[in-house]
Amino acid sequence: MRDATSDLLAILKQQREEADTQRTRAEKAYALAVLDETAALIRALCPEAVYINFAYYGSSRTLSLYGVLGEQTSPLGTCPWLWDESDQDHPLAEHGDKIANDLQEALAPYNSPAWACTRRNSASEGNDWILELPPPDRAARIAELVREHHPEATAVVVDGRSAGGRIIEVIEGVAEDSSDNRTTRRRWNERCDDLLTALVAQMFALPDLADRHLMPVGSTYAHPYGSSTSGHVRRIPLPPTP
């Protein structure tokens, strides 16, 4: 009887773990899909928008929308205001509640990939946060960022086990023996690495993007840091950049 009970418990435990994994994946994908929808809405009415500005209350996990900001034009400058939520004449005004609700949903899961795009607003001393809007084309944005530092890059290898999707190698064409010219010496700074990691993690989290852009590395691939190669290690071919 004990053996039968133990077997049943083992089966149920495995099923629960699989269900938890599926729920977590669904929550991440949903959070990003909501964020993509509100980003498209904001850009349609305010094309220069880069950030959503808001207050966040950790004890209740709620927020108050402040508005939308543009790109910081200099290291010592601040992000310009494009829409203040009190401005009822701006085209975004009638969508303020939706933007706030969508942002709330995107940040609701503790492990939402949207948190990787969120940080305190260094230009303010109060309860002031900014979330960088996801790019319309994540693969193109990854290619742009990588080629700023590796102009000859044709692909990157990523590991979804590290911070959700860290780049572990850059492929710069082929070597003389026709193998990939791989390097682990990534030339970008910490801020760029954080941004790239966030974008790659979003591609892992969104099934459609994962299917389109995360390619197998091949059975002969050797992980540069000695880790096992699994379904979490993928190759992203970089699309052409202008």
C-alpha atoms as a PDB file:
ATOM      1  CA  MET A   1       0.000   0.000   0.000  1.00  0.00           C
ATOM      2  CA  ARG A   2       2.822   2.397   0.861  1.00  0.00           C
ATOM      3  CA  ASP A   3       4.538   1.778  -2.475  1.00  0.00           C
ATOM      4  CA  ALA A   4       1.292   2.486  -4.352  1.00  0.00           C
ATOM      5  CA  THR A   5       0.719   5.643  -2.328  1.00  0.00           C
ATOM      6  CA  SER A   6       4.303   6.781  -2.880  1.00  0.00           C
ATOM      7  CA  ASP A   7       3.983   6.213  -6.631  1.00  0.00           C
ATOM      8  CA  LEU A   8       0.760   8.208  -6.741  1.00  0.00           C
ATOM      9  CA  LEU A   9       2.320  11.061  -4.777  1.00  0.00           C
ATOM     10  CA  ALA A  10       5.307  11.103  -7.117  1.00  0.00           C
ATOM     11  CA  ILE A  11       3.033  11.267 -10.150  1.00  0.00           C
ATOM     12  CA  LEU A  12       0.912  14.031  -8.661  1.00  0.00           C
ATOM     13  CA  LYS A  13       3.989  15.997  -7.634  1.00  0.00           C
ATOM     14  CA  GLN A  14       5.347  15.827 -11.169  1.00  0.00           C
ATOM     15  CA  GLN A  15       1.992  16.902 -12.593  1.00  0.00           C
ATOM     16  CA  ARG A  16       1.841  19.825 -10.182  1.00  0.00           C
ATOM     17  CA  GLU A  17       5.360  20.946 -11.131  1.00  0.00           C
ATOM     18  CA  GLU A  18       4.517  20.721 -14.826  1.00  0.00           C
ATOM     19  CA  ALA A  19       1.320  22.714 -14.251  1.00  0.00           C
ATOM     20  CA  ASP A  20       3.266  25.341 -12.294  1.00  0.00           C
ATOM     21  CA  THR A  21       5.799  25.623 -15.130  1.00  0.00           C
ATOM     22  CA  GLN A  22       3.064  26.034 -17.714  1.00  0.00           C
ATOM     23  CA  ARG A  23       1.282  28.646 -15.587  1.00  0.00           C
ATOM     24  CA  THR A  24       4.497  30.617 -15.132  1.00  0.00           C
ATOM     25  CA  ARG A  25       5.148  30.596 -18.879  1.00  0.00           C
ATOM     26  CA  ALA A  26       1.595  31.713 -19.578  1.00  0.00           C
ATOM     27  CA  GLU A  27       1.814  34.530 -17.010  1.00  0.00           C
ATOM     28  CA  LYS A  28       5.065  35.839 -18.527  1.00  0.00           C
ATOM     29  CA  ALA A  29       3.728  35.674 -22.078  1.00  0.00           C
ATOM     30  CA  TYR A  30       0.485  37.379 -21.091  1.00  0.00           C
ATOM     31  CA  ALA A  31       2.291  40.166 -19.223  1.00  0.00           C
ATOM     32  CA  LEU A  32       4.433  40.920 -22.283  1.00  0.00           C
ATOM     33  CA  ALA A  33       1.490  40.708 -24.679  1.00  0.00           C
ATOM     34  CA  VAL A  34      -0.381  43.289 -22.582  1.00  0.00           C
ATOM     35  CA  LEU A  35       2.701  45.511 -22.521  1.00  0.00           C
ATOM     36  CA  ASP A  36       3.127  45.213 -26.301  1.00  0.00           C
ATOM     37  CA  GLU A  37      -0.482  46.246 -26.840  1.00  0.00           C
ATOM     38  CA  THR A  38      -0.234  49.366 -24.705  1.00  0.00           C
ATOM     39  CA  ALA A  39       3.167  50.240 -26.233  1.00  0.00           C
ATOM     40  CA  ALA A  40       1.609  50.118 -29.711  1.00  0.00           C
ATOM     41  CA  LEU A  41      -1.239  52.345 -28.531  1.00  0.00           C
ATOM     42  CA  ILE A  42       1.142  54.881 -26.990  1.00  0.00           C
ATOM     43  CA  ARG A  43       3.398  55.020 -30.059  1.00  0.00           C
ATOM     44  CA  ALA A  44       0.430  55.419 -32.398  1.00  0.00           C
ATOM     45  CA  LEU A  45      -0.595  58.604 -30.557  1.00  0.00           C
ATOM     46  CA  CYS A  46       2.842  59.741 -29.359  1.00  0.00           C
ATOM     47  CA  PRO A  47       5.551  58.423 -31.727  1.00  0.00           C
ATOM     48  CA  GLU A  48       8.474  59.840 -29.720  1.00  0.00           C
ATOM     49  CA  ALA A  49       7.466  57.969 -26.550  1.00  0.00           C
ATOM     50  CA  VAL A  50      10.184  55.874 -24.886  1.00  0.00           C
ATOM     51  CA  TYR A  51       9.115  55.464 -21.239  1.00  0.00           C
ATOM     52  CA  ILE A  52       5.994  55.185 -19.110  1.00  0.00           C
ATOM     53  CA  ASN A  53       6.434  57.144 -15.879  1.00  0.00           C
ATOM     54  CA  PHE A  54       4.608  56.056 -12.717  1.00  0.00           C
ATOM     55  CA  ALA A  55       4.647  55.678  -8.946  1.00  0.00           C
ATOM     56  CA  TYR A  56       4.778  52.139  -7.568  1.00  0.00           C
ATOM     57  CA  TYR A  57       3.574  51.057  -4.138  1.00  0.00           C
ATOM     58  CA  GLY A  58       5.279  47.830  -3.161  1.00  0.00           C
ATOM     59  CA  SER A  59       3.108  47.010  -0.155  1.00  0.00           C
ATOM     60  CA  SER A  60      -0.059  46.883  -2.259  1.00  0.00           C
ATOM     61  CA  ARG A  61       1.628  46.185  -5.627  1.00  0.00           C
ATOM     62  CA  THR A  62      -0.374  48.992  -7.202  1.00  0.00           C
ATOM     63  CA  LEU A  63       0.682  52.031  -9.196  1.00  0.00           C
ATOM     64  CA  SER A  64      -0.300  55.543 -10.195  1.00  0.00           C
ATOM     65  CA  LEU A  65       0.337  56.691 -13.751  1.00  0.00           C
ATOM     66  CA  TYR A  66       2.284  59.934 -14.160  1.00  0.00           C
ATOM     67  CA  GLY A  67       2.616  60.097 -17.924  1.00  0.00           C
ATOM     68  CA  VAL A  68       4.910  59.351 -20.864  1.00  0.00           C
ATOM     69  CA  LEU A  69       8.523  60.444 -21.373  1.00  0.00           C
ATOM     70  CA  GLY A  70      10.812  60.738 -24.382  1.00  0.00           C
ATOM     71  CA  GLU A  71      14.441  59.744 -24.878  1.00  0.00           C
ATOM     72  CA  GLN A  72      17.146  61.220 -22.662  1.00  0.00           C
ATOM     73  CA  THR A  73      19.247  63.282 -25.085  1.00  0.00           C
ATOM     74  CA  SER A  74      22.369  63.648 -22.942  1.00  0.00           C
ATOM     75  CA  PRO A  75      23.934  61.828 -19.970  1.00  0.00           C
ATOM     76  CA  LEU A  76      23.294  64.809 -17.688  1.00  0.00           C
ATOM     77  CA  GLY A  77      19.881  65.650 -19.102  1.00  0.00           C
ATOM     78  CA  THR A  78      16.451  64.399 -18.162  1.00  0.00           C
ATOM     79  CA  CYS A  79      13.821  62.581 -20.167  1.00  0.00           C
ATOM     80  CA  PRO A  80      11.452  65.154 -21.672  1.00  0.00           C
ATOM     81  CA  TRP A  81       7.779  65.066 -20.769  1.00  0.00           C
ATOM     82  CA  LEU A  82       5.626  64.140 -23.754  1.00  0.00           C
ATOM     83  CA  TRP A  83       2.386  63.661 -21.850  1.00  0.00           C
ATOM     84  CA  ASP A  84       1.449  64.430 -18.269  1.00  0.00           C
ATOM     85  CA  GLU A  85      -1.633  62.484 -17.178  1.00  0.00           C
ATOM     86  CA  SER A  86      -3.216  65.732 -16.026  1.00  0.00           C
ATOM     87  CA  ASP A  87      -3.092  67.086 -19.586  1.00  0.00           C
ATOM     88  CA  GLN A  88      -6.590  66.304 -20.837  1.00  0.00           C
ATOM     89  CA  ASP A  89      -5.970  67.854 -24.265  1.00  0.00           C
ATOM     90  CA  HIS A  90      -3.374  65.264 -25.322  1.00  0.00           C
ATOM     91  CA  PRO A  91      -4.596  62.348 -27.507  1.00  0.00           C
ATOM     92  CA  LEU A  92      -3.379  59.896 -24.852  1.00  0.00           C
ATOM     93  CA  ALA A  93      -5.609  61.422 -22.173  1.00  0.00           C
ATOM     94  CA  GLU A  94      -8.670  59.347 -23.056  1.00  0.00           C
ATOM     95  CA  HIS A  95      -6.561  56.182 -22.809  1.00  0.00           C
ATOM     96  CA  GLY A  96      -4.988  56.935 -19.423  1.00  0.00           C
ATOM     97  CA  ASP A  97      -7.026  54.361 -17.512  1.00  0.00           C
ATOM     98  CA  LYS A  98      -6.225  51.632 -20.038  1.00  0.00           C
ATOM     99  CA  ILE A  99      -2.502  52.423 -19.962  1.00  0.00           C
ATOM    100  CA  ALA A 100      -2.491  52.326 -16.158  1.00  0.00           C
ATOM    101  CA  ASN A 101      -4.458  49.069 -16.042  1.00  0.00           C
ATOM    102  CA  ASP A 102      -2.279  47.434 -18.700  1.00  0.00           C
ATOM    103  CA  LEU A 103       0.864  48.499 -16.863  1.00  0.00           C
ATOM    104  CA  GLN A 104      -0.577  47.073 -13.649  1.00  0.00           C
ATOM    105  CA  GLU A 105      -1.219  43.734 -15.375  1.00  0.00           C
ATOM    106  CA  ALA A 106       2.208  43.664 -17.007  1.00  0.00           C
ATOM    107  CA  LEU A 107       3.928  44.135 -13.639  1.00  0.00           C
ATOM    108  CA  ALA A 108       1.576  41.953 -11.603  1.00  0.00           C
ATOM    109  CA  PRO A 109       3.609  38.699 -11.676  1.00  0.00           C
ATOM    110  CA  TYR A 110       6.676  38.854  -9.443  1.00  0.00           C
ATOM    111  CA  ASN A 111       8.679  37.198 -12.233  1.00  0.00           C
ATOM    112  CA  SER A 112       7.236  39.269 -15.084  1.00  0.00           C
ATOM    113  CA  PRO A 113       9.872  40.015 -17.763  1.00  0.00           C
ATOM    114  CA  ALA A 114       8.502  43.568 -17.767  1.00  0.00           C
ATOM    115  CA  TRP A 115      10.363  44.214 -14.496  1.00  0.00           C
ATOM    116  CA  ALA A 116      13.682  43.926 -16.337  1.00  0.00           C
ATOM    117  CA  CYS A 117      12.660  47.029 -18.331  1.00  0.00           C
ATOM    118  CA  THR A 118      11.710  48.969 -15.208  1.00  0.00           C
ATOM    119  CA  ARG A 119      13.921  51.093 -13.007  1.00  0.00           C
ATOM    120  CA  ARG A 120      13.776  54.052 -10.667  1.00  0.00           C
ATOM    121  CA  ASN A 121      13.816  57.419 -12.377  1.00  0.00           C
ATOM    122  CA  SER A 122      17.246  58.799 -11.456  1.00  0.00           C
ATOM    123  CA  ALA A 123      16.057  62.330 -12.285  1.00  0.00           C
ATOM    124  CA  SER A 124      13.592  62.253  -9.377  1.00  0.00           C
ATOM    125  CA  GLU A 125      14.045  61.643  -5.660  1.00  0.00           C
ATOM    126  CA  GLY A 126      10.509  60.469  -4.946  1.00  0.00           C
ATOM    127  CA  ASN A 127       8.484  57.369  -5.704  1.00  0.00           C
ATOM    128  CA  ASP A 128       9.210  57.667  -9.381  1.00  0.00           C
ATOM    129  CA  TRP A 129       9.673  54.766 -11.786  1.00  0.00           C
ATOM    130  CA  ILE A 130      10.073  54.428 -15.534  1.00  0.00           C
ATOM    131  CA  LEU A 131       9.376  51.453 -17.765  1.00  0.00           C
ATOM    132  CA  GLU A 132      11.051  51.415 -21.173  1.00  0.00           C
ATOM    133  CA  LEU A 133       8.577  50.522 -23.900  1.00  0.00           C
ATOM    134  CA  PRO A 134       9.446  47.294 -25.721  1.00  0.00           C
ATOM    135  CA  PRO A 135      10.633  47.826 -29.303  1.00  0.00           C
ATOM    136  CA  PRO A 136       8.222  46.980 -32.117  1.00  0.00           C
ATOM    137  CA  ASP A 137      10.789  44.480 -33.464  1.00  0.00           C
ATOM    138  CA  ARG A 138      12.886  42.872 -30.730  1.00  0.00           C
ATOM    139  CA  ALA A 139      15.149  40.936 -33.116  1.00  0.00           C
ATOM    140  CA  ALA A 140      15.982  44.104 -35.049  1.00  0.00           C
ATOM    141  CA  ARG A 141      16.714  45.981 -31.821  1.00  0.00           C
ATOM    142  CA  ILE A 142      19.003  43.183 -30.590  1.00  0.00           C
ATOM    143  CA  ALA A 143      20.853  43.273 -33.919  1.00  0.00           C
ATOM    144  CA  GLU A 144      21.225  47.045 -33.698  1.00  0.00           C
ATOM    145  CA  LEU A 145      22.632  46.951 -30.157  1.00  0.00           C
ATOM    146  CA  VAL A 146      25.014  44.066 -30.858  1.00  0.00           C
ATOM    147  CA  ARG A 147      26.388  45.605 -34.063  1.00  0.00           C
ATOM    148  CA  GLU A 148      27.107  48.906 -32.314  1.00  0.00           C
ATOM    149  CA  HIS A 149      29.921  46.979 -30.619  1.00  0.00           C
ATOM    150  CA  HIS A 150      30.445  44.030 -33.003  1.00  0.00           C
ATOM    151  CA  PRO A 151      29.861  45.402 -36.533  1.00  0.00           C
ATOM    152  CA  GLU A 152      30.567  42.033 -38.191  1.00  0.00           C
ATOM    153  CA  ALA A 153      28.183  40.032 -35.998  1.00  0.00           C
ATOM    154  CA  THR A 154      25.887  37.637 -37.846  1.00  0.00           C
ATOM    155  CA  ALA A 155      24.332  35.811 -34.879  1.00  0.00           C
ATOM    156  CA  VAL A 156      24.443  35.432 -31.100  1.00  0.00           C
ATOM    157  CA  VAL A 157      24.196  32.401 -28.846  1.00  0.00           C
ATOM    158  CA  VAL A 158      21.958  32.819 -25.804  1.00  0.00           C
ATOM    159  CA  ASP A 159      21.309  30.819 -22.653  1.00  0.00           C
ATOM    160  CA  GLY A 160      17.815  31.073 -21.203  1.00  0.00           C
ATOM    161  CA  ARG A 161      19.021  29.694 -17.861  1.00  0.00           C
ATOM    162  CA  SER A 162      21.015  32.870 -17.163  1.00  0.00           C
ATOM    163  CA  ALA A 163      18.839  35.841 -16.158  1.00  0.00           C
ATOM    164  CA  GLY A 164      16.145  34.603 -18.515  1.00  0.00           C
ATOM    165  CA  GLY A 165      18.250  34.912 -21.660  1.00  0.00           C
ATOM    166  CA  ARG A 166      21.833  36.194 -21.538  1.00  0.00           C
ATOM    167  CA  ILE A 167      24.017  36.380 -24.632  1.00  0.00           C
ATOM    168  CA  ILE A 168      26.986  34.066 -24.059  1.00  0.00           C
ATOM    169  CA  GLU A 169      28.680  34.299 -27.466  1.00  0.00           C
ATOM    170  CA  VAL A 170      28.797  36.566 -30.476  1.00  0.00           C
ATOM    171  CA  ILE A 171      29.292  34.984 -33.904  1.00  0.00           C
ATOM    172  CA  GLU A 172      31.191  37.175 -36.331  1.00  0.00           C
ATOM    173  CA  GLY A 173      30.949  35.352 -39.638  1.00  0.00           C
ATOM    174  CA  VAL A 174      32.981  32.223 -40.325  1.00  0.00           C
ATOM    175  CA  ALA A 175      36.612  31.315 -39.682  1.00  0.00           C
ATOM    176  CA  GLU A 176      39.082  30.006 -42.268  1.00  0.00           C
ATOM    177  CA  ASP A 177      38.034  26.414 -41.534  1.00  0.00           C
ATOM    178  CA  SER A 178      34.394  27.342 -42.281  1.00  0.00           C
ATOM    179  CA  SER A 179      33.394  27.069 -38.613  1.00  0.00           C
ATOM    180  CA  ASP A 180      31.656  29.880 -36.755  1.00  0.00           C
ATOM    181  CA  ASN A 181      33.958  32.678 -35.677  1.00  0.00           C
ATOM    182  CA  ARG A 182      32.785  32.744 -32.053  1.00  0.00           C
ATOM    183  CA  THR A 183      33.816  35.054 -29.244  1.00  0.00           C
ATOM    184  CA  THR A 184      32.789  35.358 -25.600  1.00  0.00           C
ATOM    185  CA  ARG A 185      34.464  38.793 -25.317  1.00  0.00           C
ATOM    186  CA  ARG A 186      31.393  40.949 -25.517  1.00  0.00           C
ATOM    187  CA  ARG A 187      32.368  44.597 -25.953  1.00  0.00           C
ATOM    188  CA  TRP A 188      29.241  46.307 -24.660  1.00  0.00           C
ATOM    189  CA  ASN A 189      28.858  47.907 -21.240  1.00  0.00           C
ATOM    190  CA  GLU A 190      26.751  46.748 -18.306  1.00  0.00           C
ATOM    191  CA  ARG A 191      23.751  48.906 -19.216  1.00  0.00           C
ATOM    192  CA  CYS A 192      23.710  47.509 -22.763  1.00  0.00           C
ATOM    193  CA  ASP A 193      24.111  43.972 -21.403  1.00  0.00           C
ATOM    194  CA  ASP A 194      21.092  44.463 -19.142  1.00  0.00           C
ATOM    195  CA  LEU A 195      19.015  45.728 -22.058  1.00  0.00           C
ATOM    196  CA  LEU A 196      20.066  42.872 -24.346  1.00  0.00           C
ATOM    197  CA  THR A 197      19.377  40.316 -21.621  1.00  0.00           C
ATOM    198  CA  ALA A 198      15.901  41.763 -21.064  1.00  0.00           C
ATOM    199  CA  LEU A 199      15.110  41.617 -24.789  1.00  0.00           C
ATOM    200  CA  VAL A 200      16.352  38.049 -25.165  1.00  0.00           C
ATOM    201  CA  ALA A 201      14.381  36.976 -22.085  1.00  0.00           C
ATOM    202  CA  GLN A 202      11.263  38.456 -23.682  1.00  0.00           C
ATOM    203  CA  MET A 203      11.890  36.422 -26.816  1.00  0.00           C
ATOM    204  CA  PHE A 204      12.118  33.261 -24.716  1.00  0.00           C
ATOM    205  CA  ALA A 205       8.870  34.218 -22.965  1.00  0.00           C
ATOM    206  CA  LEU A 206       6.818  34.931 -26.106  1.00  0.00           C
ATOM    207  CA  PRO A 207       6.102  31.640 -27.944  1.00  0.00           C
ATOM    208  CA  ASP A 208       5.684  33.261 -31.358  1.00  0.00           C
ATOM    209  CA  LEU A 209       9.042  35.061 -31.141  1.00  0.00           C
ATOM    210  CA  ALA A 210      10.739  31.975 -29.709  1.00  0.00           C
ATOM    211  CA  ASP A 211       9.538  29.850 -32.613  1.00  0.00           C
ATOM    212  CA  ARG A 212      10.681  32.431 -35.179  1.00  0.00           C
ATOM    213  CA  HIS A 213      14.027  33.525 -33.790  1.00  0.00           C
ATOM    214  CA  LEU A 214      15.466  30.995 -31.306  1.00  0.00           C
ATOM    215  CA  MET A 215      17.201  28.372 -33.420  1.00  0.00           C
ATOM    216  CA  PRO A 216      18.922  25.127 -32.276  1.00  0.00           C
ATOM    217  CA  VAL A 217      22.684  25.378 -31.828  1.00  0.00           C
ATOM    218  CA  GLY A 218      23.329  21.882 -33.185  1.00  0.00           C
ATOM    219  CA  SER A 219      24.426  18.634 -31.573  1.00  0.00           C
ATOM    220  CA  THR A 220      28.155  19.461 -31.837  1.00  0.00           C
ATOM    221  CA  TYR A 221      27.902  22.775 -30.016  1.00  0.00           C
ATOM    222  CA  ALA A 222      30.088  23.081 -26.902  1.00  0.00           C
ATOM    223  CA  HIS A 223      29.022  25.564 -24.228  1.00  0.00           C
ATOM    224  CA  PRO A 224      31.881  28.068 -23.689  1.00  0.00           C
ATOM    225  CA  TYR A 225      31.566  27.831 -19.915  1.00  0.00           C
ATOM    226  CA  GLY A 226      31.280  24.060 -19.696  1.00  0.00           C
ATOM    227  CA  SER A 227      27.568  23.989 -18.916  1.00  0.00           C
ATOM    228  CA  SER A 228      25.300  21.406 -20.441  1.00  0.00           C
ATOM    229  CA  THR A 229      23.647  22.278 -23.725  1.00  0.00           C
ATOM    230  CA  SER A 230      19.893  22.044 -23.479  1.00  0.00           C
ATOM    231  CA  GLY A 231      16.801  23.499 -25.057  1.00  0.00           C
ATOM    232  CA  HIS A 232      17.619  26.725 -23.208  1.00  0.00           C
ATOM    233  CA  VAL A 233      20.732  27.330 -25.323  1.00  0.00           C
ATOM    234  CA  ARG A 234      19.754  28.836 -28.650  1.00  0.00           C
ATOM    235  CA  ARG A 235      21.200  30.717 -31.614  1.00  0.00           C
ATOM    236  CA  ILE A 236      19.610  33.956 -32.786  1.00  0.00           C
ATOM    237  CA  PRO A 237      20.509  34.913 -36.377  1.00  0.00           C
ATOM    238  CA  LEU A 238      20.756  38.701 -36.551  1.00  0.00           C
ATOM    239  CA  PRO A 239      18.634  40.357 -39.252  1.00  0.00           C
ATOM    240  CA  PRO A 240      20.271  42.966 -41.483  1.00  0.00           C
ATOM    241  CA  THR A 241      20.527  46.460 -40.040  1.00  0.00           C
ATOM    242  CA  PRO A 242      20.280  49.675 -42.082  1.00  0.00           C
END
